Amino acid sequence: MGFSEAETYGTVSNLVRRGVDVVSGVKHLLEHCDALSPSAVWREVAELDFAADADYLKRWLHELLETEPPEDGIVAFWFGMFDEAGEDGRSFTRLYLAGAPSYDPDDETAHWACKLAYLPQGRYADSQVLRYVSAILGAAGKEVSGLGLYVLPLGYAALALGEACRRLPPHLLLGRRASRAAAIGFDSGDFVTLPSINR
């Protein structure tokens, strides 16, 4: 692989921590990818409507929390990601929301996210961007595919959900709690801690 996972992870994490908007953040991530592994694929990915998909994710999260709110004992949200096989046999990144009754900000493995107590029926999002990114990169060469599938699903989803958590009404995200932690990541890989949700 022609890239450093630590450096690339840091790029994603820094954008999320700074609260960069989705469109600007994705543009930065694509420039990062192109600098490491130049390819026309990044321009193809850039044509996707990230803003519209981020709006969909915000609506999905709003409706989910409104119809299936977590109990007050849920102290952290986990936006999980995993590869799911589509009807055509090709895999794509699936995103879901769950919640945990415990949270350890110093746990670098996110082991707390393995003990989920909030698993709403509508927890699975249907992000078209995540589907298309998986399809585009799945057809690319090994180096481009490996880099893109490491950076873009996690980076885009973290930016989109971080923005949604900043914009949604606090009572939806918190119920009667004063705060909740939040993180997003692959069930079998890296994760990014989102800014704490507070009133």
N, C-alpha and C. Protein backbone atom coordinates (compact mmCIF):
# COMPACT_ATOMS: atom_id res chain seq x y z
N MET A 1 0.84 -1.19 0.00
CA MET A 1 0.00 0.00 0.00
C MET A 1 0.87 1.23 0.00
N GLY A 2 0.48 2.23 -0.80
CA GLY A 2 1.27 3.43 -0.89
C GLY A 2 0.81 4.54 0.04
N PHE A 3 0.17 4.20 1.14
CA PHE A 3 -0.26 5.26 2.05
C PHE A 3 -0.12 4.80 3.50
N SER A 4 0.00 5.79 4.38
CA SER A 4 0.09 5.52 5.80
C SER A 4 -1.30 5.56 6.40
N GLU A 5 -1.74 4.46 6.98
CA GLU A 5 -3.08 4.44 7.59
C GLU A 5 -3.17 5.46 8.72
N ALA A 6 -2.09 5.60 9.50
CA ALA A 6 -2.11 6.54 10.61
C ALA A 6 -2.27 7.98 10.12
N GLU A 7 -1.53 8.34 9.08
CA GLU A 7 -1.63 9.69 8.54
C GLU A 7 -3.00 9.94 7.93
N THR A 8 -3.49 8.95 7.20
CA THR A 8 -4.79 9.09 6.54
C THR A 8 -5.92 9.14 7.55
N TYR A 9 -5.84 8.31 8.57
CA TYR A 9 -6.83 8.36 9.65
C TYR A 9 -6.80 9.74 10.31
N GLY A 10 -5.61 10.27 10.52
CA GLY A 10 -5.48 11.59 11.13
C GLY A 10 -6.15 12.67 10.30
N THR A 11 -6.07 12.55 8.98
CA THR A 11 -6.72 13.52 8.10
C THR A 11 -8.23 13.51 8.31
N VAL A 12 -8.81 12.32 8.36
CA VAL A 12 -10.26 12.18 8.60
C VAL A 12 -10.63 12.73 9.97
N SER A 13 -9.92 12.31 10.98
CA SER A 13 -10.22 12.71 12.35
C SER A 13 -10.13 14.23 12.53
N ASN A 14 -9.12 14.85 11.92
CA ASN A 14 -8.95 16.30 12.06
C ASN A 14 -10.10 17.07 11.41
N LEU A 15 -10.56 16.61 10.25
CA LEU A 15 -11.68 17.28 9.59
C LEU A 15 -12.94 17.21 10.45
N VAL A 16 -13.19 16.05 11.04
CA VAL A 16 -14.37 15.87 11.89
C VAL A 16 -14.26 16.74 13.14
N ARG A 17 -13.11 16.74 13.75
CA ARG A 17 -12.91 17.53 14.98
C ARG A 17 -13.10 19.02 14.73
N ARG A 18 -12.70 19.49 13.55
CA ARG A 18 -12.82 20.91 13.22
C ARG A 18 -14.23 21.30 12.78
N GLY A 19 -15.10 20.31 12.59
CA GLY A 19 -16.47 20.62 12.18
C GLY A 19 -16.59 21.12 10.76
N VAL A 20 -15.71 20.64 9.88
CA VAL A 20 -15.75 21.05 8.48
C VAL A 20 -17.05 20.54 7.83
N ASP A 21 -17.66 21.34 6.96
CA ASP A 21 -18.89 20.91 6.32
C ASP A 21 -18.63 19.75 5.37
N VAL A 22 -19.68 19.03 5.03
CA VAL A 22 -19.55 17.78 4.28
C VAL A 22 -18.88 17.99 2.92
N VAL A 23 -19.37 18.95 2.15
CA VAL A 23 -18.85 19.15 0.80
C VAL A 23 -17.36 19.53 0.82
N SER A 24 -17.00 20.46 1.69
CA SER A 24 -15.60 20.87 1.80
C SER A 24 -14.73 19.73 2.32
N GLY A 25 -15.26 19.00 3.28
CA GLY A 25 -14.51 17.89 3.86
C GLY A 25 -14.24 16.78 2.86
N VAL A 26 -15.25 16.41 2.08
CA VAL A 26 -15.08 15.37 1.08
C VAL A 26 -14.10 15.83 0.00
N LYS A 27 -14.19 17.09 -0.39
CA LYS A 27 -13.25 17.63 -1.39
C LYS A 27 -11.81 17.48 -0.87
N HIS A 28 -11.60 17.79 0.39
CA HIS A 28 -10.27 17.65 0.99
C HIS A 28 -9.82 16.19 0.99
N LEU A 29 -10.73 15.27 1.33
CA LEU A 29 -10.39 13.85 1.35
C LEU A 29 -10.04 13.34 -0.04
N LEU A 30 -10.77 13.79 -1.05
CA LEU A 30 -10.48 13.35 -2.42
C LEU A 30 -9.13 13.90 -2.90
N GLU A 31 -8.82 15.13 -2.52
CA GLU A 31 -7.50 15.69 -2.85
C GLU A 31 -6.40 14.91 -2.16
N HIS A 32 -6.64 14.52 -0.92
CA HIS A 32 -5.69 13.70 -0.16
C HIS A 32 -5.46 12.37 -0.88
N CYS A 33 -6.55 11.74 -1.31
CA CYS A 33 -6.43 10.46 -2.01
C CYS A 33 -5.69 10.61 -3.33
N ASP A 34 -6.01 11.66 -4.07
CA ASP A 34 -5.37 11.85 -5.38
C ASP A 34 -3.88 12.15 -5.24
N ALA A 35 -3.50 12.83 -4.15
CA ALA A 35 -2.09 13.11 -3.92
C ALA A 35 -1.32 11.82 -3.62
N LEU A 36 -1.97 10.89 -2.94
CA LEU A 36 -1.31 9.63 -2.58
C LEU A 36 -1.33 8.62 -3.72
N SER A 37 -2.43 8.62 -4.49
CA SER A 37 -2.57 7.64 -5.57
C SER A 37 -3.37 8.28 -6.71
N PRO A 38 -2.70 9.04 -7.58
CA PRO A 38 -3.39 9.75 -8.65
C PRO A 38 -4.25 8.81 -9.52
N SER A 39 -5.50 9.23 -9.75
CA SER A 39 -6.42 8.40 -10.54
C SER A 39 -7.63 9.23 -10.96
N ALA A 40 -8.19 8.93 -12.13
CA ALA A 40 -9.42 9.57 -12.58
C ALA A 40 -10.62 9.14 -11.73
N VAL A 41 -10.45 8.07 -10.96
CA VAL A 41 -11.54 7.57 -10.11
C VAL A 41 -11.99 8.63 -9.12
N TRP A 42 -11.05 9.41 -8.60
CA TRP A 42 -11.41 10.42 -7.59
C TRP A 42 -12.34 11.47 -8.19
N ARG A 43 -12.13 11.81 -9.45
CA ARG A 43 -13.01 12.78 -10.11
C ARG A 43 -14.41 12.18 -10.32
N GLU A 44 -14.46 10.88 -10.58
CA GLU A 44 -15.76 10.22 -10.73
C GLU A 44 -16.51 10.23 -9.40
N VAL A 45 -15.81 9.94 -8.32
CA VAL A 45 -16.43 9.98 -7.00
C VAL A 45 -16.90 11.40 -6.67
N ALA A 46 -16.12 12.41 -7.06
CA ALA A 46 -16.46 13.80 -6.77
C ALA A 46 -17.78 14.23 -7.40
N GLU A 47 -18.23 13.52 -8.44
CA GLU A 47 -19.49 13.87 -9.11
C GLU A 47 -20.72 13.44 -8.30
N LEU A 48 -20.54 12.61 -7.31
CA LEU A 48 -21.68 12.17 -6.49
C LEU A 48 -22.24 13.34 -5.69
N ASP A 49 -23.54 13.29 -5.41
CA ASP A 49 -24.20 14.39 -4.69
C ASP A 49 -24.10 14.16 -3.19
N PHE A 50 -22.96 14.54 -2.63
CA PHE A 50 -22.73 14.33 -1.20
C PHE A 50 -23.65 15.19 -0.34
N ALA A 51 -23.96 16.40 -0.78
CA ALA A 51 -24.82 17.29 0.01
C ALA A 51 -26.22 16.72 0.14
N ALA A 52 -26.78 16.22 -0.96
CA ALA A 52 -28.13 15.65 -0.91
C ALA A 52 -28.17 14.40 -0.04
N ASP A 53 -27.15 13.58 -0.14
CA ASP A 53 -27.12 12.35 0.66
C ASP A 53 -26.96 12.68 2.14
N ALA A 54 -26.16 13.72 2.45
CA ALA A 54 -26.01 14.13 3.85
C ALA A 54 -27.34 14.64 4.40
N ASP A 55 -28.12 15.33 3.56
CA ASP A 55 -29.45 15.78 3.98
C ASP A 55 -30.35 14.58 4.26
N TYR A 56 -30.26 13.55 3.41
CA TYR A 56 -31.02 12.31 3.66
C TYR A 56 -30.64 11.70 5.00
N LEU A 57 -29.34 11.62 5.29
CA LEU A 57 -28.90 11.02 6.56
C LEU A 57 -29.41 11.82 7.76
N LYS A 58 -29.45 13.12 7.62
CA LYS A 58 -29.98 13.94 8.72
C LYS A 58 -31.47 13.65 8.93
N ARG A 59 -32.24 13.55 7.83
CA ARG A 59 -33.67 13.23 7.94
C ARG A 59 -33.87 11.84 8.52
N TRP A 60 -33.07 10.88 8.07
CA TRP A 60 -33.16 9.51 8.59
C TRP A 60 -32.92 9.50 10.10
N LEU A 61 -31.88 10.20 10.55
CA LEU A 61 -31.57 10.22 11.97
C LEU A 61 -32.67 10.92 12.75
N HIS A 62 -33.19 12.01 12.23
CA HIS A 62 -34.28 12.75 12.89
C HIS A 62 -35.49 11.85 13.07
N GLU A 63 -35.91 11.20 12.00
CA GLU A 63 -37.11 10.35 12.05
C GLU A 63 -36.90 9.15 12.97
N LEU A 64 -35.70 8.59 12.94
CA LEU A 64 -35.42 7.43 13.78
C LEU A 64 -35.48 7.79 15.26
N LEU A 65 -34.84 8.88 15.63
CA LEU A 65 -34.83 9.28 17.03
C LEU A 65 -36.20 9.75 17.50
N GLU A 66 -36.99 10.27 16.57
CA GLU A 66 -38.34 10.73 16.92
C GLU A 66 -39.28 9.55 17.13
N THR A 67 -39.15 8.51 16.31
CA THR A 67 -40.07 7.38 16.39
C THR A 67 -39.58 6.28 17.33
N GLU A 68 -38.26 6.16 17.49
CA GLU A 68 -37.69 5.12 18.35
C GLU A 68 -36.59 5.73 19.24
N PRO A 69 -36.97 6.60 20.17
CA PRO A 69 -35.96 7.28 20.99
C PRO A 69 -35.25 6.31 21.94
N PRO A 70 -33.97 6.53 22.18
CA PRO A 70 -33.24 5.68 23.14
C PRO A 70 -33.64 6.01 24.56
N GLU A 71 -33.49 5.04 25.44
CA GLU A 71 -33.76 5.29 26.86
C GLU A 71 -32.66 6.17 27.44
N ASP A 72 -32.96 6.77 28.58
CA ASP A 72 -32.00 7.70 29.19
C ASP A 72 -30.69 7.02 29.60
N GLY A 73 -30.74 5.70 29.79
CA GLY A 73 -29.53 4.98 30.19
C GLY A 73 -28.52 4.79 29.07
N ILE A 74 -28.88 5.15 27.86
CA ILE A 74 -27.93 5.07 26.73
C ILE A 74 -27.03 6.30 26.80
N VAL A 75 -25.74 6.06 27.02
CA VAL A 75 -24.81 7.18 27.22
C VAL A 75 -24.00 7.52 25.97
N ALA A 76 -24.03 6.63 24.97
CA ALA A 76 -23.24 6.88 23.76
C ALA A 76 -23.92 6.29 22.53
N PHE A 77 -23.86 7.04 21.44
CA PHE A 77 -24.32 6.54 20.14
C PHE A 77 -23.15 5.89 19.41
N TRP A 78 -23.44 4.79 18.75
CA TRP A 78 -22.47 4.14 17.87
C TRP A 78 -23.06 4.10 16.47
N PHE A 79 -22.44 4.84 15.55
CA PHE A 79 -22.81 4.77 14.14
C PHE A 79 -21.89 3.71 13.52
N GLY A 80 -22.41 2.52 13.39
CA GLY A 80 -21.60 1.41 12.92
C GLY A 80 -21.62 1.28 11.41
N MET A 81 -20.57 0.69 10.87
CA MET A 81 -20.46 0.47 9.43
C MET A 81 -19.93 -0.93 9.17
N PHE A 82 -20.46 -1.55 8.13
CA PHE A 82 -20.00 -2.88 7.77
C PHE A 82 -20.27 -3.11 6.29
N ASP A 83 -19.63 -4.10 5.71
CA ASP A 83 -19.83 -4.44 4.31
C ASP A 83 -21.00 -5.41 4.19
N GLU A 84 -21.96 -5.07 3.36
CA GLU A 84 -23.14 -5.90 3.13
C GLU A 84 -23.19 -6.30 1.66
N ALA A 85 -23.61 -7.51 1.38
CA ALA A 85 -23.73 -7.98 0.00
C ALA A 85 -25.04 -7.47 -0.60
N GLY A 86 -24.94 -6.82 -1.75
CA GLY A 86 -26.12 -6.34 -2.44
C GLY A 86 -26.78 -7.44 -3.24
N GLU A 87 -27.93 -7.12 -3.85
CA GLU A 87 -28.66 -8.11 -4.65
C GLU A 87 -27.85 -8.56 -5.86
N ASP A 88 -26.93 -7.70 -6.31
CA ASP A 88 -26.10 -8.05 -7.47
C ASP A 88 -24.85 -8.83 -7.07
N GLY A 89 -24.73 -9.12 -5.76
CA GLY A 89 -23.59 -9.88 -5.28
C GLY A 89 -22.39 -9.04 -4.89
N ARG A 90 -22.40 -7.75 -5.25
CA ARG A 90 -21.29 -6.87 -4.89
C ARG A 90 -21.53 -6.26 -3.52
N SER A 91 -20.47 -6.05 -2.77
CA SER A 91 -20.62 -5.52 -1.42
C SER A 91 -20.63 -4.00 -1.43
N PHE A 92 -21.30 -3.44 -0.44
CA PHE A 92 -21.32 -1.99 -0.25
C PHE A 92 -21.31 -1.71 1.25
N THR A 93 -20.97 -0.49 1.59
CA THR A 93 -20.89 -0.11 3.00
C THR A 93 -22.26 0.25 3.53
N ARG A 94 -22.69 -0.42 4.58
CA ARG A 94 -23.97 -0.15 5.23
C ARG A 94 -23.72 0.58 6.55
N LEU A 95 -24.56 1.56 6.82
CA LEU A 95 -24.45 2.38 8.04
C LEU A 95 -25.66 2.12 8.94
N TYR A 96 -25.44 2.09 10.24
CA TYR A 96 -26.55 1.91 11.17
C TYR A 96 -26.30 2.69 12.46
N LEU A 97 -27.38 2.90 13.22
CA LEU A 97 -27.27 3.57 14.51
C LEU A 97 -27.61 2.59 15.63
N ALA A 98 -26.82 2.60 16.66
CA ALA A 98 -27.08 1.84 17.87
C ALA A 98 -26.62 2.68 19.06
N GLY A 99 -26.83 2.17 20.26
CA GLY A 99 -26.43 2.92 21.44
C GLY A 99 -25.95 2.00 22.54
N ALA A 100 -25.05 2.52 23.37
CA ALA A 100 -24.44 1.72 24.43
C ALA A 100 -24.71 2.34 25.80
N PRO A 101 -24.84 1.49 26.83
CA PRO A 101 -25.07 1.99 28.19
C PRO A 101 -23.78 2.39 28.91
N SER A 102 -22.63 2.19 28.25
CA SER A 102 -21.35 2.58 28.84
C SER A 102 -20.48 3.16 27.74
N TYR A 103 -19.49 3.96 28.17
CA TYR A 103 -18.60 4.60 27.21
C TYR A 103 -17.27 4.89 27.87
N ASP A 104 -16.19 4.59 27.17
CA ASP A 104 -14.85 4.86 27.68
C ASP A 104 -14.10 5.68 26.65
N PRO A 105 -13.91 6.98 26.89
CA PRO A 105 -13.23 7.82 25.90
C PRO A 105 -11.77 7.45 25.67
N ASP A 106 -11.19 6.69 26.59
CA ASP A 106 -9.78 6.30 26.46
C ASP A 106 -9.59 4.93 25.81
N ASP A 107 -10.70 4.27 25.46
CA ASP A 107 -10.63 2.94 24.86
C ASP A 107 -10.34 3.07 23.37
N GLU A 108 -9.13 2.75 22.96
CA GLU A 108 -8.73 2.89 21.56
C GLU A 108 -9.28 1.78 20.67
N THR A 109 -9.95 0.81 21.27
CA THR A 109 -10.55 -0.28 20.49
C THR A 109 -12.07 -0.16 20.39
N ALA A 110 -12.65 0.83 21.08
CA ALA A 110 -14.11 1.00 21.12
C ALA A 110 -14.82 -0.27 21.56
N HIS A 111 -14.23 -0.96 22.53
CA HIS A 111 -14.85 -2.20 23.02
C HIS A 111 -16.24 -1.94 23.59
N TRP A 112 -16.45 -0.72 24.10
CA TRP A 112 -17.76 -0.38 24.65
C TRP A 112 -18.87 -0.53 23.61
N ALA A 113 -18.51 -0.36 22.32
CA ALA A 113 -19.51 -0.45 21.25
C ALA A 113 -19.92 -1.88 20.95
N CYS A 114 -19.28 -2.85 21.60
CA CYS A 114 -19.67 -4.25 21.42
C CYS A 114 -20.83 -4.63 22.34
N LYS A 115 -21.14 -3.73 23.28
CA LYS A 115 -22.20 -4.01 24.27
C LYS A 115 -23.35 -3.03 24.04
N LEU A 116 -24.08 -3.27 22.96
CA LEU A 116 -25.12 -2.34 22.54
C LEU A 116 -26.48 -2.70 23.14
N ALA A 117 -27.18 -1.69 23.63
CA ALA A 117 -28.49 -1.91 24.23
C ALA A 117 -29.60 -1.20 23.48
N TYR A 118 -29.24 -0.27 22.63
CA TYR A 118 -30.22 0.46 21.81
C TYR A 118 -30.05 0.00 20.37
N LEU A 119 -31.01 -0.80 19.89
CA LEU A 119 -30.96 -1.34 18.53
C LEU A 119 -32.33 -1.14 17.88
N PRO A 120 -32.64 0.08 17.47
CA PRO A 120 -33.98 0.36 16.91
C PRO A 120 -34.24 -0.39 15.61
N GLN A 121 -35.50 -0.61 15.33
CA GLN A 121 -35.89 -1.34 14.12
C GLN A 121 -35.42 -0.62 12.86
N GLY A 122 -35.48 0.70 12.88
CA GLY A 122 -35.11 1.47 11.69
C GLY A 122 -33.66 1.90 11.67
N ARG A 123 -32.80 1.13 12.32
CA ARG A 123 -31.41 1.58 12.51
C ARG A 123 -30.56 1.60 11.25
N TYR A 124 -30.97 0.91 10.19
CA TYR A 124 -30.14 0.85 8.99
C TYR A 124 -30.48 1.98 8.02
N ALA A 125 -29.47 2.78 7.69
CA ALA A 125 -29.65 3.84 6.70
C ALA A 125 -29.39 3.28 5.30
N ASP A 126 -29.96 3.94 4.30
CA ASP A 126 -29.75 3.53 2.92
C ASP A 126 -29.09 4.68 2.17
N SER A 127 -27.82 4.89 2.45
CA SER A 127 -27.07 5.97 1.82
C SER A 127 -26.67 5.59 0.40
N GLN A 128 -27.17 6.37 -0.57
CA GLN A 128 -26.82 6.10 -1.96
C GLN A 128 -25.35 6.41 -2.24
N VAL A 129 -24.81 7.42 -1.55
CA VAL A 129 -23.40 7.74 -1.72
C VAL A 129 -22.52 6.56 -1.29
N LEU A 130 -22.83 5.96 -0.16
CA LEU A 130 -22.02 4.82 0.29
C LEU A 130 -22.13 3.65 -0.69
N ARG A 131 -23.30 3.46 -1.27
CA ARG A 131 -23.46 2.40 -2.27
C ARG A 131 -22.60 2.68 -3.50
N TYR A 132 -22.70 3.92 -4.02
CA TYR A 132 -21.98 4.25 -5.26
C TYR A 132 -20.48 4.31 -5.05
N VAL A 133 -20.05 4.83 -3.90
CA VAL A 133 -18.61 4.86 -3.61
C VAL A 133 -18.06 3.44 -3.62
N SER A 134 -18.78 2.53 -2.99
CA SER A 134 -18.34 1.13 -2.95
C SER A 134 -18.27 0.55 -4.36
N ALA A 135 -19.26 0.86 -5.20
CA ALA A 135 -19.29 0.32 -6.57
C ALA A 135 -18.15 0.89 -7.41
N ILE A 136 -17.94 2.20 -7.32
CA ILE A 136 -16.90 2.86 -8.12
C ILE A 136 -15.52 2.35 -7.72
N LEU A 137 -15.26 2.32 -6.42
CA LEU A 137 -13.94 1.92 -5.95
C LEU A 137 -13.72 0.42 -6.09
N GLY A 138 -14.81 -0.35 -6.02
CA GLY A 138 -14.67 -1.79 -6.17
C GLY A 138 -14.17 -2.19 -7.55
N ALA A 139 -14.41 -1.30 -8.53
CA ALA A 139 -13.97 -1.60 -9.91
C ALA A 139 -12.62 -0.99 -10.22
N ALA A 140 -12.03 -0.28 -9.26
CA ALA A 140 -10.74 0.37 -9.47
C ALA A 140 -9.60 -0.62 -9.17
N GLY A 141 -8.39 -0.18 -9.44
CA GLY A 141 -7.23 -1.01 -9.14
C GLY A 141 -7.04 -1.21 -7.66
N LYS A 142 -6.21 -2.15 -7.29
CA LYS A 142 -6.06 -2.54 -5.89
C LYS A 142 -5.62 -1.39 -4.99
N GLU A 143 -4.62 -0.61 -5.42
CA GLU A 143 -4.12 0.46 -4.57
C GLU A 143 -5.15 1.56 -4.39
N VAL A 144 -5.78 1.98 -5.49
CA VAL A 144 -6.81 3.02 -5.42
C VAL A 144 -8.00 2.53 -4.60
N SER A 145 -8.42 1.30 -4.84
CA SER A 145 -9.55 0.73 -4.11
C SER A 145 -9.25 0.64 -2.62
N GLY A 146 -8.07 0.16 -2.27
CA GLY A 146 -7.71 0.02 -0.86
C GLY A 146 -7.68 1.35 -0.14
N LEU A 147 -7.10 2.35 -0.79
CA LEU A 147 -7.04 3.69 -0.19
C LEU A 147 -8.43 4.29 -0.07
N GLY A 148 -9.19 4.26 -1.16
CA GLY A 148 -10.51 4.88 -1.17
C GLY A 148 -11.49 4.25 -0.20
N LEU A 149 -11.49 2.92 -0.15
CA LEU A 149 -12.43 2.24 0.75
C LEU A 149 -12.03 2.40 2.22
N TYR A 150 -10.78 2.77 2.47
CA TYR A 150 -10.36 3.06 3.84
C TYR A 150 -10.77 4.48 4.23
N VAL A 151 -10.61 5.43 3.30
CA VAL A 151 -10.82 6.84 3.62
C VAL A 151 -12.27 7.30 3.45
N LEU A 152 -12.87 7.02 2.30
CA LEU A 152 -14.08 7.73 1.91
C LEU A 152 -15.35 7.31 2.65
N PRO A 153 -15.67 6.02 2.82
CA PRO A 153 -16.89 5.71 3.57
C PRO A 153 -16.86 6.25 5.00
N LEU A 154 -15.75 6.02 5.70
CA LEU A 154 -15.63 6.51 7.08
C LEU A 154 -15.59 8.03 7.11
N GLY A 155 -14.79 8.63 6.22
CA GLY A 155 -14.67 10.09 6.22
C GLY A 155 -15.96 10.78 5.90
N TYR A 156 -16.63 10.36 4.82
CA TYR A 156 -17.90 10.99 4.45
C TYR A 156 -18.95 10.81 5.53
N ALA A 157 -19.13 9.58 5.99
CA ALA A 157 -20.17 9.31 6.99
C ALA A 157 -19.90 10.07 8.29
N ALA A 158 -18.63 10.16 8.70
CA ALA A 158 -18.30 10.90 9.92
C ALA A 158 -18.62 12.39 9.76
N LEU A 159 -18.30 12.95 8.61
CA LEU A 159 -18.62 14.36 8.36
C LEU A 159 -20.13 14.58 8.34
N ALA A 160 -20.85 13.70 7.66
CA ALA A 160 -22.30 13.85 7.53
C ALA A 160 -23.02 13.68 8.86
N LEU A 161 -22.64 12.67 9.63
CA LEU A 161 -23.31 12.44 10.92
C LEU A 161 -22.88 13.47 11.96
N GLY A 162 -21.63 13.90 11.89
CA GLY A 162 -21.20 14.97 12.79
C GLY A 162 -22.00 16.24 12.55
N GLU A 163 -22.22 16.55 11.27
CA GLU A 163 -23.02 17.73 10.92
C GLU A 163 -24.46 17.56 11.36
N ALA A 164 -25.02 16.38 11.17
CA ALA A 164 -26.40 16.12 11.58
C ALA A 164 -26.55 16.30 13.09
N CYS A 165 -25.59 15.81 13.85
CA CYS A 165 -25.66 15.92 15.31
C CYS A 165 -25.54 17.38 15.78
N ARG A 166 -24.86 18.20 14.99
CA ARG A 166 -24.77 19.62 15.34
C ARG A 166 -26.07 20.36 15.03
N ARG A 167 -26.82 19.88 14.06
CA ARG A 167 -27.98 20.63 13.58
C ARG A 167 -29.32 20.15 14.12
N LEU A 168 -29.40 18.89 14.52
CA LEU A 168 -30.68 18.38 15.02
C LEU A 168 -30.98 18.95 16.40
N PRO A 169 -32.27 19.07 16.75
CA PRO A 169 -32.64 19.60 18.07
C PRO A 169 -32.05 18.75 19.19
N PRO A 170 -31.48 19.38 20.21
CA PRO A 170 -30.86 18.63 21.32
C PRO A 170 -31.81 17.64 21.99
N HIS A 171 -33.10 17.99 22.10
CA HIS A 171 -34.01 17.07 22.80
C HIS A 171 -34.16 15.75 22.05
N LEU A 172 -34.00 15.76 20.72
CA LEU A 172 -34.07 14.52 19.96
C LEU A 172 -32.86 13.64 20.23
N LEU A 173 -31.69 14.26 20.28
CA LEU A 173 -30.45 13.53 20.46
C LEU A 173 -30.21 13.11 21.90
N LEU A 174 -30.78 13.85 22.84
CA LEU A 174 -30.43 13.64 24.25
C LEU A 174 -31.58 13.16 25.12
N GLY A 175 -32.82 13.37 24.70
CA GLY A 175 -33.92 13.04 25.61
C GLY A 175 -33.80 13.91 26.86
N ARG A 176 -33.73 13.27 28.01
CA ARG A 176 -33.57 14.02 29.27
C ARG A 176 -32.12 14.08 29.75
N ARG A 177 -31.21 13.55 28.95
CA ARG A 177 -29.80 13.57 29.33
C ARG A 177 -29.18 14.94 29.07
N ALA A 178 -28.12 15.23 29.80
CA ALA A 178 -27.39 16.47 29.59
C ALA A 178 -26.40 16.34 28.43
N SER A 179 -25.94 15.11 28.16
CA SER A 179 -24.97 14.89 27.09
C SER A 179 -24.97 13.43 26.67
N ARG A 180 -24.42 13.19 25.49
CA ARG A 180 -24.17 11.83 25.01
C ARG A 180 -22.89 11.86 24.19
N ALA A 181 -22.10 10.81 24.32
CA ALA A 181 -20.94 10.63 23.47
C ALA A 181 -21.40 10.05 22.14
N ALA A 182 -20.55 10.14 21.14
CA ALA A 182 -20.87 9.56 19.83
C ALA A 182 -19.58 9.19 19.11
N ALA A 183 -19.65 8.09 18.38
CA ALA A 183 -18.51 7.66 17.58
C ALA A 183 -19.03 6.94 16.35
N ILE A 184 -18.21 6.89 15.32
CA ILE A 184 -18.58 6.21 14.09
C ILE A 184 -17.41 5.39 13.60
N GLY A 185 -17.69 4.18 13.13
CA GLY A 185 -16.58 3.37 12.66
C GLY A 185 -17.04 2.03 12.12
N PHE A 186 -16.08 1.32 11.56
CA PHE A 186 -16.34 -0.02 11.05
C PHE A 186 -16.42 -1.01 12.22
N ASP A 187 -17.37 -1.91 12.16
CA ASP A 187 -17.50 -2.90 13.23
C ASP A 187 -16.23 -3.71 13.39
N SER A 188 -15.47 -3.84 12.34
CA SER A 188 -14.24 -4.65 12.41
C SER A 188 -13.01 -3.82 12.04
N GLY A 189 -13.03 -2.52 12.37
CA GLY A 189 -11.90 -1.69 11.98
C GLY A 189 -11.84 -0.38 12.74
N ASP A 190 -11.30 0.63 12.09
CA ASP A 190 -11.07 1.92 12.73
C ASP A 190 -12.38 2.67 12.98
N PHE A 191 -12.30 3.61 13.94
CA PHE A 191 -13.45 4.44 14.25
C PHE A 191 -12.97 5.86 14.51
N VAL A 192 -13.92 6.80 14.46
CA VAL A 192 -13.64 8.21 14.74
C VAL A 192 -14.60 8.66 15.83
N THR A 193 -14.06 9.32 16.83
CA THR A 193 -14.89 9.89 17.89
C THR A 193 -15.47 11.20 17.39
N LEU A 194 -16.79 11.32 17.46
CA LEU A 194 -17.47 12.55 17.09
C LEU A 194 -17.50 13.49 18.29
N PRO A 195 -17.68 14.80 18.04
CA PRO A 195 -17.80 15.72 19.18
C PRO A 195 -18.95 15.31 20.09
N SER A 196 -18.77 15.49 21.37
CA SER A 196 -19.80 15.16 22.34
C SER A 196 -21.07 15.97 22.05
N ILE A 197 -22.21 15.34 22.24
CA ILE A 197 -23.51 16.01 22.03
C ILE A 197 -23.95 16.60 23.37
N ASN A 198 -24.13 17.90 23.41
CA ASN A 198 -24.51 18.59 24.66
C ASN A 198 -25.68 19.53 24.41
N ARG A 199 -26.33 19.90 25.49
CA ARG A 199 -27.43 20.86 25.39
C ARG A 199 -26.88 22.26 25.14
